[in-house]
């Protein structure tokens, strides 16, 4: 009987998803003491990086690649906690603008360097700078291929 290494037979897409799920679980574990989820952190981070300019809810939705209803639930939770402000755009009431409150700015400033360092440390452990650069290049090209096609 031949012993097959089934994991080596799995397609690349499987490994991409498995890496994403492992990273999401790791970030959720990091943020659990702060009662934050990965999705909430993504919203805080996207809006925080745009500050002081607001981000539109549509921009955040597009970046996160989630349904409007999914994002609305995440935003609602952050608004309830007092970390995010949602307001209608004065020129176009169909557009919701998102900005961090003072409390949201404080939690983002406190956690962003720490979360980034922890994720980078775990994600890149055992990889050389050359491997990291190559991985980034390959993943960028794969993403571009999937967006634009052959």
N, C-alpha and C. Protein backbone atom coordinates (compact mmCIF):
# COMPACT_ATOMS: atom_id res chain seq x y z
N UNK A 1 0.84 -1.16 0.00
CA UNK A 1 0.00 0.00 0.00
C UNK A 1 0.90 1.24 0.00
N UNK A 2 0.53 2.24 -0.81
CA UNK A 2 1.29 3.47 -0.93
C UNK A 2 0.73 4.49 0.04
N UNK A 3 1.63 5.11 0.81
CA UNK A 3 1.23 6.15 1.75
C UNK A 3 1.22 7.48 1.02
N UNK A 4 0.04 8.03 0.80
CA UNK A 4 -0.06 9.30 0.10
C UNK A 4 -0.09 10.45 1.09
N UNK A 5 0.70 11.47 0.82
CA UNK A 5 0.66 12.69 1.62
C UNK A 5 -0.45 13.56 1.03
N UNK A 6 -1.65 13.42 1.60
CA UNK A 6 -2.81 14.10 1.04
C UNK A 6 -2.69 15.62 1.09
N UNK A 7 -2.03 16.15 2.09
CA UNK A 7 -1.91 17.60 2.17
C UNK A 7 -1.13 18.17 0.99
N UNK A 8 -0.15 17.44 0.49
CA UNK A 8 0.62 17.95 -0.65
C UNK A 8 -0.22 17.95 -1.93
N UNK A 9 -1.33 17.23 -1.91
CA UNK A 9 -2.20 17.15 -3.08
C UNK A 9 -3.27 18.24 -3.08
N UNK A 10 -3.41 18.95 -1.97
CA UNK A 10 -4.46 19.96 -1.89
C UNK A 10 -4.12 21.16 -2.78
N UNK A 11 -5.13 21.77 -3.41
CA UNK A 11 -4.86 22.89 -4.31
C UNK A 11 -4.42 24.14 -3.57
N UNK A 12 -3.80 25.04 -4.30
CA UNK A 12 -3.30 26.29 -3.75
C UNK A 12 -4.41 27.10 -3.08
N UNK A 13 -5.58 27.12 -3.69
CA UNK A 13 -6.72 27.84 -3.11
C UNK A 13 -7.05 27.37 -1.71
N UNK A 14 -6.91 26.07 -1.47
CA UNK A 14 -7.15 25.52 -0.14
C UNK A 14 -6.19 26.16 0.87
N UNK A 15 -4.92 26.27 0.49
CA UNK A 15 -3.92 26.81 1.40
C UNK A 15 -4.10 28.31 1.62
N UNK A 16 -4.55 29.01 0.59
CA UNK A 16 -4.85 30.44 0.77
C UNK A 16 -5.97 30.63 1.79
N UNK A 17 -7.03 29.84 1.64
CA UNK A 17 -8.15 29.96 2.57
C UNK A 17 -7.73 29.51 3.97
N UNK A 18 -6.97 28.45 4.05
CA UNK A 18 -6.54 27.96 5.36
C UNK A 18 -5.67 28.99 6.08
N UNK A 19 -4.80 29.68 5.33
CA UNK A 19 -3.96 30.73 5.92
C UNK A 19 -4.83 31.89 6.39
N UNK A 20 -5.80 32.28 5.58
CA UNK A 20 -6.70 33.37 5.95
C UNK A 20 -7.49 33.01 7.22
N UNK A 21 -8.03 31.82 7.27
CA UNK A 21 -8.80 31.40 8.44
C UNK A 21 -7.93 31.33 9.69
N UNK A 22 -6.70 30.86 9.53
CA UNK A 22 -5.78 30.79 10.67
C UNK A 22 -5.44 32.19 11.16
N UNK A 23 -5.22 33.13 10.23
CA UNK A 23 -4.91 34.49 10.62
C UNK A 23 -6.11 35.13 11.32
N UNK A 24 -7.30 34.92 10.78
CA UNK A 24 -8.52 35.47 11.39
C UNK A 24 -8.70 34.94 12.80
N UNK A 25 -8.50 33.66 12.99
CA UNK A 25 -8.64 33.06 14.32
C UNK A 25 -7.60 33.64 15.28
N UNK A 26 -6.38 33.83 14.80
CA UNK A 26 -5.32 34.40 15.64
C UNK A 26 -5.67 35.83 16.06
N UNK A 27 -6.11 36.64 15.11
CA UNK A 27 -6.48 38.03 15.42
C UNK A 27 -7.68 38.05 16.38
N UNK A 28 -8.65 37.19 16.16
CA UNK A 28 -9.79 37.11 17.08
C UNK A 28 -9.31 36.78 18.50
N UNK A 29 -8.36 35.87 18.62
CA UNK A 29 -7.81 35.52 19.94
C UNK A 29 -7.10 36.72 20.57
N UNK A 30 -6.33 37.46 19.77
CA UNK A 30 -5.63 38.64 20.28
C UNK A 30 -6.62 39.69 20.79
N UNK A 31 -7.70 39.87 20.05
CA UNK A 31 -8.64 40.96 20.34
C UNK A 31 -9.72 40.60 21.35
N UNK A 32 -9.87 39.31 21.64
CA UNK A 32 -10.93 38.86 22.56
C UNK A 32 -10.90 39.60 23.90
N UNK A 33 -9.74 39.83 24.54
CA UNK A 33 -9.74 40.57 25.81
C UNK A 33 -10.28 42.00 25.68
N UNK A 34 -10.27 42.53 24.47
CA UNK A 34 -10.77 43.89 24.23
C UNK A 34 -12.20 43.86 23.70
N UNK A 35 -12.79 42.67 23.69
CA UNK A 35 -14.16 42.46 23.21
C UNK A 35 -14.35 42.98 21.79
N UNK A 36 -13.36 42.69 20.96
CA UNK A 36 -13.38 43.04 19.55
C UNK A 36 -13.23 41.78 18.70
N UNK A 37 -13.83 41.80 17.51
CA UNK A 37 -13.66 40.73 16.55
C UNK A 37 -12.77 41.22 15.40
N UNK A 38 -12.32 40.29 14.60
CA UNK A 38 -11.50 40.63 13.43
C UNK A 38 -12.25 41.60 12.52
N UNK A 39 -13.54 41.35 12.27
CA UNK A 39 -14.33 42.23 11.41
C UNK A 39 -14.43 43.63 11.99
N UNK A 40 -14.66 43.74 13.27
CA UNK A 40 -14.73 45.05 13.91
C UNK A 40 -13.38 45.75 13.80
N UNK A 41 -12.31 44.98 14.01
CA UNK A 41 -10.98 45.55 13.91
C UNK A 41 -10.70 46.06 12.50
N UNK A 42 -11.14 45.32 11.49
CA UNK A 42 -10.95 45.77 10.11
C UNK A 42 -11.61 47.13 9.89
N UNK A 43 -12.83 47.30 10.38
CA UNK A 43 -13.53 48.57 10.22
C UNK A 43 -12.79 49.68 10.95
N UNK A 44 -12.44 49.44 12.22
CA UNK A 44 -11.69 50.45 12.98
C UNK A 44 -10.40 50.83 12.27
N UNK A 45 -9.70 49.84 11.75
CA UNK A 45 -8.42 50.08 11.09
C UNK A 45 -8.59 50.86 9.79
N UNK A 46 -9.57 50.47 9.00
CA UNK A 46 -9.79 51.17 7.73
C UNK A 46 -10.19 52.62 7.96
N UNK A 47 -11.07 52.84 8.91
CA UNK A 47 -11.51 54.21 9.21
C UNK A 47 -10.37 54.97 9.89
N UNK A 48 -9.65 54.32 10.79
CA UNK A 48 -8.55 54.96 11.49
C UNK A 48 -7.43 55.40 10.57
N UNK A 49 -7.14 54.59 9.55
CA UNK A 49 -6.08 54.96 8.61
C UNK A 49 -6.48 56.12 7.72
N UNK A 50 -7.77 56.35 7.55
CA UNK A 50 -8.26 57.47 6.74
C UNK A 50 -8.32 58.77 7.53
N UNK A 51 -8.33 58.68 8.85
CA UNK A 51 -8.52 59.85 9.72
C UNK A 51 -7.45 60.89 9.43
N UNK A 52 -7.80 62.15 9.50
CA UNK A 52 -9.06 62.68 10.02
C UNK A 52 -10.18 62.71 9.00
N UNK A 53 -9.90 62.40 7.74
CA UNK A 53 -10.97 62.36 6.73
C UNK A 53 -11.88 61.16 7.02
N UNK A 54 -13.18 61.32 6.83
CA UNK A 54 -14.07 60.17 7.02
C UNK A 54 -13.95 59.19 5.86
N UNK A 55 -14.35 57.96 6.12
CA UNK A 55 -14.46 56.94 5.08
C UNK A 55 -15.94 56.72 4.83
N UNK A 56 -16.30 56.44 3.60
CA UNK A 56 -17.71 56.12 3.37
C UNK A 56 -17.94 54.65 3.69
N UNK A 57 -19.18 54.36 4.04
CA UNK A 57 -19.52 52.97 4.35
C UNK A 57 -19.31 52.11 3.11
N UNK A 58 -19.57 52.64 1.93
CA UNK A 58 -19.37 51.91 0.67
C UNK A 58 -17.88 51.60 0.46
N UNK A 59 -17.00 52.54 0.77
CA UNK A 59 -15.56 52.30 0.63
C UNK A 59 -15.11 51.17 1.55
N UNK A 60 -15.59 51.18 2.77
CA UNK A 60 -15.22 50.13 3.73
C UNK A 60 -15.78 48.79 3.26
N UNK A 61 -17.02 48.79 2.78
CA UNK A 61 -17.63 47.56 2.28
C UNK A 61 -16.84 46.99 1.11
N UNK A 62 -16.44 47.86 0.19
CA UNK A 62 -15.68 47.41 -0.98
C UNK A 62 -14.33 46.84 -0.56
N UNK A 63 -13.66 47.51 0.35
CA UNK A 63 -12.35 47.06 0.80
C UNK A 63 -12.45 45.71 1.52
N UNK A 64 -13.48 45.56 2.36
CA UNK A 64 -13.64 44.31 3.11
C UNK A 64 -14.27 43.19 2.29
N UNK A 65 -14.89 43.56 1.17
CA UNK A 65 -15.56 42.60 0.30
C UNK A 65 -16.64 41.82 1.07
N UNK A 66 -17.53 42.59 1.71
CA UNK A 66 -18.65 41.99 2.44
C UNK A 66 -19.94 42.61 1.94
N UNK A 67 -21.05 41.94 2.26
CA UNK A 67 -22.36 42.46 1.91
C UNK A 67 -22.68 43.68 2.77
N UNK A 68 -23.53 44.55 2.25
CA UNK A 68 -23.92 45.76 2.98
C UNK A 68 -24.53 45.42 4.33
N UNK A 69 -25.39 44.42 4.37
CA UNK A 69 -26.04 44.04 5.64
C UNK A 69 -25.02 43.56 6.67
N UNK A 70 -24.02 42.83 6.23
CA UNK A 70 -22.97 42.35 7.13
C UNK A 70 -22.22 43.52 7.74
N UNK A 71 -21.82 44.46 6.89
CA UNK A 71 -21.08 45.62 7.37
C UNK A 71 -21.95 46.48 8.29
N UNK A 72 -23.22 46.62 7.96
CA UNK A 72 -24.12 47.43 8.80
C UNK A 72 -24.14 46.89 10.22
N UNK A 73 -24.19 45.58 10.39
CA UNK A 73 -24.18 44.98 11.72
C UNK A 73 -22.90 45.28 12.48
N UNK A 74 -21.78 45.21 11.79
CA UNK A 74 -20.49 45.50 12.42
C UNK A 74 -20.42 46.97 12.81
N UNK A 75 -20.82 47.85 11.90
CA UNK A 75 -20.80 49.29 12.16
C UNK A 75 -21.74 49.62 13.31
N UNK A 76 -22.94 49.03 13.32
CA UNK A 76 -23.89 49.27 14.41
C UNK A 76 -23.27 48.96 15.77
N UNK A 77 -22.57 47.85 15.84
CA UNK A 77 -21.93 47.46 17.10
C UNK A 77 -20.87 48.45 17.54
N UNK A 78 -20.09 48.95 16.61
CA UNK A 78 -19.04 49.92 16.93
C UNK A 78 -19.64 51.28 17.30
N UNK A 79 -20.75 51.64 16.68
CA UNK A 79 -21.45 52.88 17.03
C UNK A 79 -22.00 52.77 18.45
N UNK A 80 -22.62 51.62 18.76
CA UNK A 80 -23.16 51.41 20.12
C UNK A 80 -22.08 51.50 21.19
N UNK A 81 -20.89 51.04 20.87
CA UNK A 81 -19.79 51.08 21.84
C UNK A 81 -19.18 52.47 21.96
N UNK A 82 -19.58 53.37 21.10
CA UNK A 82 -19.07 54.73 21.16
C UNK A 82 -17.73 54.91 20.49
N UNK A 83 -17.34 53.99 19.62
CA UNK A 83 -16.05 54.05 18.95
C UNK A 83 -16.14 54.60 17.53
N UNK A 84 -17.33 54.59 16.97
CA UNK A 84 -17.50 54.98 15.57
C UNK A 84 -18.70 55.91 15.47
N UNK A 85 -18.57 56.89 14.60
CA UNK A 85 -19.65 57.81 14.32
C UNK A 85 -20.07 57.60 12.87
N UNK A 86 -21.40 57.46 12.66
CA UNK A 86 -21.93 57.31 11.31
C UNK A 86 -22.86 58.50 11.06
N UNK A 87 -22.62 59.21 9.98
CA UNK A 87 -23.52 60.31 9.66
C UNK A 87 -23.71 60.40 8.16
N UNK A 88 -24.86 60.96 7.78
CA UNK A 88 -25.17 61.14 6.37
C UNK A 88 -24.29 62.24 5.80
N UNK A 89 -23.86 62.05 4.57
CA UNK A 89 -23.11 63.08 3.85
C UNK A 89 -24.06 64.23 3.55
N UNK A 90 -23.62 65.45 3.83
CA UNK A 90 -24.48 66.62 3.64
C UNK A 90 -24.90 66.80 2.18
N UNK A 91 -24.03 66.47 1.25
CA UNK A 91 -24.33 66.65 -0.18
C UNK A 91 -25.15 65.51 -0.76
N UNK A 92 -25.05 64.32 -0.17
CA UNK A 92 -25.75 63.14 -0.69
C UNK A 92 -26.17 62.27 0.49
N UNK A 93 -27.43 62.36 0.87
CA UNK A 93 -27.92 61.66 2.05
C UNK A 93 -27.89 60.14 1.91
N UNK A 94 -27.68 59.64 0.70
CA UNK A 94 -27.57 58.18 0.51
C UNK A 94 -26.21 57.65 0.97
N UNK A 95 -25.25 58.56 1.17
CA UNK A 95 -23.88 58.18 1.53
C UNK A 95 -23.69 58.33 3.04
N UNK A 96 -23.28 57.25 3.69
CA UNK A 96 -22.94 57.30 5.11
C UNK A 96 -21.44 57.47 5.26
N UNK A 97 -21.05 58.44 6.06
CA UNK A 97 -19.63 58.66 6.36
C UNK A 97 -19.32 58.10 7.73
N UNK A 98 -18.18 57.44 7.84
CA UNK A 98 -17.75 56.83 9.08
C UNK A 98 -16.48 57.52 9.57
N UNK A 99 -16.46 57.84 10.85
CA UNK A 99 -15.26 58.40 11.46
C UNK A 99 -15.15 57.88 12.89
N UNK A 100 -13.93 57.87 13.39
CA UNK A 100 -13.70 57.41 14.76
C UNK A 100 -14.09 58.52 15.73
N UNK A 101 -14.69 58.13 16.83
CA UNK A 101 -14.91 59.07 17.93
C UNK A 101 -13.59 59.22 18.67
N UNK A 102 -13.58 60.08 19.69
CA UNK A 102 -12.37 60.21 20.50
C UNK A 102 -12.02 58.88 21.15
N UNK A 103 -13.04 58.16 21.64
CA UNK A 103 -12.80 56.85 22.26
C UNK A 103 -12.31 55.84 21.23
N UNK A 104 -12.86 55.91 20.01
CA UNK A 104 -12.42 55.02 18.93
C UNK A 104 -10.99 55.30 18.52
N UNK A 105 -10.65 56.58 18.47
CA UNK A 105 -9.28 56.97 18.14
C UNK A 105 -8.31 56.45 19.20
N UNK A 106 -8.72 56.54 20.45
CA UNK A 106 -7.86 56.08 21.55
C UNK A 106 -7.63 54.58 21.48
N UNK A 107 -8.70 53.80 21.27
CA UNK A 107 -8.54 52.33 21.22
C UNK A 107 -7.75 51.92 19.98
N UNK A 108 -7.98 52.60 18.87
CA UNK A 108 -7.22 52.31 17.66
C UNK A 108 -5.73 52.61 17.87
N UNK A 109 -5.44 53.78 18.44
CA UNK A 109 -4.04 54.16 18.68
C UNK A 109 -3.36 53.21 19.66
N UNK A 110 -4.11 52.73 20.62
CA UNK A 110 -3.55 51.80 21.61
C UNK A 110 -3.27 50.43 21.00
N UNK A 111 -4.19 49.93 20.20
CA UNK A 111 -4.09 48.55 19.72
C UNK A 111 -3.37 48.38 18.39
N UNK A 112 -3.42 49.36 17.51
CA UNK A 112 -2.89 49.18 16.15
C UNK A 112 -1.43 48.73 16.11
N UNK A 113 -0.53 49.41 16.82
CA UNK A 113 0.88 48.96 16.74
C UNK A 113 1.07 47.55 17.31
N UNK A 114 0.37 47.27 18.39
CA UNK A 114 0.49 45.97 19.05
C UNK A 114 -0.07 44.84 18.18
N UNK A 115 -1.27 45.03 17.64
CA UNK A 115 -1.88 44.00 16.79
C UNK A 115 -1.02 43.78 15.55
N UNK A 116 -0.59 44.86 14.91
CA UNK A 116 0.24 44.72 13.71
C UNK A 116 1.52 43.95 13.99
N UNK A 117 2.18 44.29 15.08
CA UNK A 117 3.44 43.62 15.42
C UNK A 117 3.21 42.14 15.71
N UNK A 118 2.16 41.83 16.48
CA UNK A 118 1.88 40.42 16.82
C UNK A 118 1.55 39.60 15.58
N UNK A 119 0.71 40.14 14.70
CA UNK A 119 0.33 39.41 13.49
C UNK A 119 1.54 39.23 12.58
N UNK A 120 2.30 40.30 12.38
CA UNK A 120 3.49 40.21 11.53
C UNK A 120 4.47 39.17 12.09
N UNK A 121 4.70 39.21 13.40
CA UNK A 121 5.62 38.27 14.04
C UNK A 121 5.17 36.82 13.83
N UNK A 122 3.90 36.56 14.04
CA UNK A 122 3.38 35.19 13.89
C UNK A 122 3.35 34.77 12.44
N UNK A 123 2.90 35.65 11.58
CA UNK A 123 2.74 35.34 10.16
C UNK A 123 4.08 35.08 9.48
N UNK A 124 5.11 35.83 9.86
CA UNK A 124 6.38 35.76 9.17
C UNK A 124 7.42 34.90 9.88
N UNK A 125 7.04 34.28 10.97
CA UNK A 125 7.98 33.45 11.74
C UNK A 125 8.60 32.37 10.84
N UNK A 126 9.92 32.29 10.87
CA UNK A 126 10.64 31.26 10.13
C UNK A 126 10.84 31.58 8.66
N UNK A 127 10.41 32.75 8.22
CA UNK A 127 10.57 33.13 6.82
C UNK A 127 11.69 34.16 6.69
N UNK A 128 12.47 34.04 5.64
CA UNK A 128 13.52 35.02 5.37
C UNK A 128 12.89 36.26 4.72
N UNK A 129 13.60 37.39 4.76
CA UNK A 129 13.09 38.58 4.06
C UNK A 129 12.82 38.31 2.58
N UNK A 130 13.65 37.50 1.96
CA UNK A 130 13.44 37.15 0.54
C UNK A 130 12.16 36.35 0.34
N UNK A 131 11.89 35.41 1.24
CA UNK A 131 10.66 34.63 1.13
C UNK A 131 9.43 35.51 1.34
N UNK A 132 9.52 36.43 2.27
CA UNK A 132 8.41 37.34 2.53
C UNK A 132 8.14 38.21 1.29
N UNK A 133 9.21 38.75 0.71
CA UNK A 133 9.06 39.58 -0.49
C UNK A 133 8.47 38.77 -1.64
N UNK A 134 8.95 37.54 -1.81
CA UNK A 134 8.43 36.67 -2.88
C UNK A 134 6.96 36.32 -2.63
N UNK A 135 6.62 36.00 -1.40
CA UNK A 135 5.23 35.68 -1.07
C UNK A 135 4.32 36.86 -1.39
N UNK A 136 4.75 38.06 -1.01
CA UNK A 136 3.96 39.28 -1.28
C UNK A 136 3.76 39.44 -2.79
N UNK A 137 4.84 39.28 -3.54
CA UNK A 137 4.77 39.42 -4.99
C UNK A 137 3.83 38.39 -5.62
N UNK A 138 3.96 37.15 -5.19
CA UNK A 138 3.12 36.07 -5.73
C UNK A 138 1.65 36.30 -5.39
N UNK A 139 1.37 36.65 -4.14
CA UNK A 139 -0.02 36.87 -3.73
C UNK A 139 -0.63 38.07 -4.45
N UNK A 140 0.15 39.13 -4.65
CA UNK A 140 -0.35 40.29 -5.40
C UNK A 140 -0.68 39.90 -6.83
N UNK A 141 0.18 39.09 -7.45
CA UNK A 141 -0.07 38.68 -8.82
C UNK A 141 -1.29 37.77 -8.90
N UNK A 142 -1.45 36.86 -7.94
CA UNK A 142 -2.62 35.98 -7.92
C UNK A 142 -3.90 36.79 -7.79
N UNK A 143 -3.89 37.77 -6.89
CA UNK A 143 -5.07 38.61 -6.71
C UNK A 143 -5.38 39.36 -8.00
N UNK A 144 -4.36 39.90 -8.64
CA UNK A 144 -4.56 40.61 -9.91
C UNK A 144 -5.11 39.67 -10.97
N UNK A 145 -4.57 38.46 -11.04
CA UNK A 145 -5.06 37.47 -12.02
C UNK A 145 -6.53 37.17 -11.82
N UNK A 146 -6.94 37.05 -10.56
CA UNK A 146 -8.34 36.74 -10.27
C UNK A 146 -9.27 37.90 -10.58
N UNK A 147 -8.76 39.12 -10.46
CA UNK A 147 -9.58 40.30 -10.75
C UNK A 147 -9.70 40.54 -12.25
N UNK A 148 -8.57 40.44 -12.95
CA UNK A 148 -8.57 40.81 -14.38
C UNK A 148 -8.72 39.64 -15.32
N UNK A 149 -8.49 38.43 -14.85
CA UNK A 149 -8.57 37.27 -15.74
C UNK A 149 -7.31 37.12 -16.55
N UNK A 150 -7.29 36.07 -17.38
CA UNK A 150 -6.09 35.81 -18.20
C UNK A 150 -5.83 36.86 -19.25
